[in-house]
Amino acid sequence: MKIEGFAYRVAARVMEILEHEQHYKIPEDTRKQVLEKIRSEVNDILRKAG
């Protein structure tokens, strides 16, 4: 799996946990925007991670 795909799956899983365990509803448009933002920032995120 590519790092980009991994980052995408982590972000998606965080949203799933918020919805199922914290009963937080994330609108589909927001979900798509967040996932796209993660994809566009993956290189910066990795750089900051060390």
Protein backbone atom coordinates (compact mmCIF):
# COMPACT_ATOMS: atom_id res chain seq x y z
CA MET A 1 0.00 0.00 0.00
CA LYS A 2 1.26 3.44 -0.84
CA ILE A 3 1.76 5.98 1.93
CA GLU A 4 -0.92 8.14 0.33
CA GLY A 5 -3.42 5.29 0.56
CA PHE A 6 -2.42 4.62 4.14
CA ALA A 7 -2.98 8.25 5.14
CA TYR A 8 -6.37 8.19 3.40
CA ARG A 9 -7.41 5.02 5.27
CA VAL A 10 -6.29 6.43 8.62
CA ALA A 11 -8.36 9.58 8.06
CA ALA A 12 -11.36 7.52 6.98
CA ARG A 13 -11.02 5.28 10.05
CA VAL A 14 -10.89 8.30 12.37
CA MET A 15 -14.18 9.51 10.91
CA GLU A 16 -15.71 6.02 11.31
CA ILE A 17 -14.67 5.94 14.97
CA LEU A 18 -16.15 9.40 15.56
CA GLU A 19 -19.42 8.29 14.00
CA HIS A 20 -19.75 4.87 15.65
CA GLU A 21 -18.20 5.37 19.06
CA GLN A 22 -18.81 9.07 19.67
CA HIS A 23 -22.11 9.27 17.74
CA TYR A 24 -20.79 12.20 15.74
CA LYS A 25 -22.38 12.53 12.30
CA ILE A 26 -20.04 13.75 9.57
CA PRO A 27 -21.86 14.95 6.42
CA GLU A 28 -20.77 13.23 3.21
CA ASP A 29 -19.55 16.49 1.66
CA THR A 30 -17.38 17.16 4.71
CA ARG A 31 -16.06 13.60 4.63
CA LYS A 32 -15.03 14.01 0.98
CA GLN A 33 -13.41 17.40 1.65
CA VAL A 34 -11.40 16.05 4.59
CA LEU A 35 -10.20 12.99 2.68
CA GLU A 36 -9.19 15.11 -0.31
CA LYS A 37 -7.35 17.53 1.98
CA ILE A 38 -5.42 14.64 3.56
CA ARG A 39 -4.44 13.37 0.11
CA SER A 40 -3.21 16.80 -0.93
CA GLU A 41 -1.20 17.28 2.28
CA VAL A 42 0.28 13.79 2.65
CA ASN A 43 3.84 14.91 1.83
CA ASP A 44 3.70 17.75 4.37
CA ILE A 45 2.26 15.40 7.00
CA LEU A 46 5.09 12.92 6.44
CA ARG A 47 7.72 15.65 6.60
CA LYS A 48 6.33 16.89 9.93
CA ALA A 49 6.19 13.33 11.29
CA GLY A 50 9.93 13.11 11.05
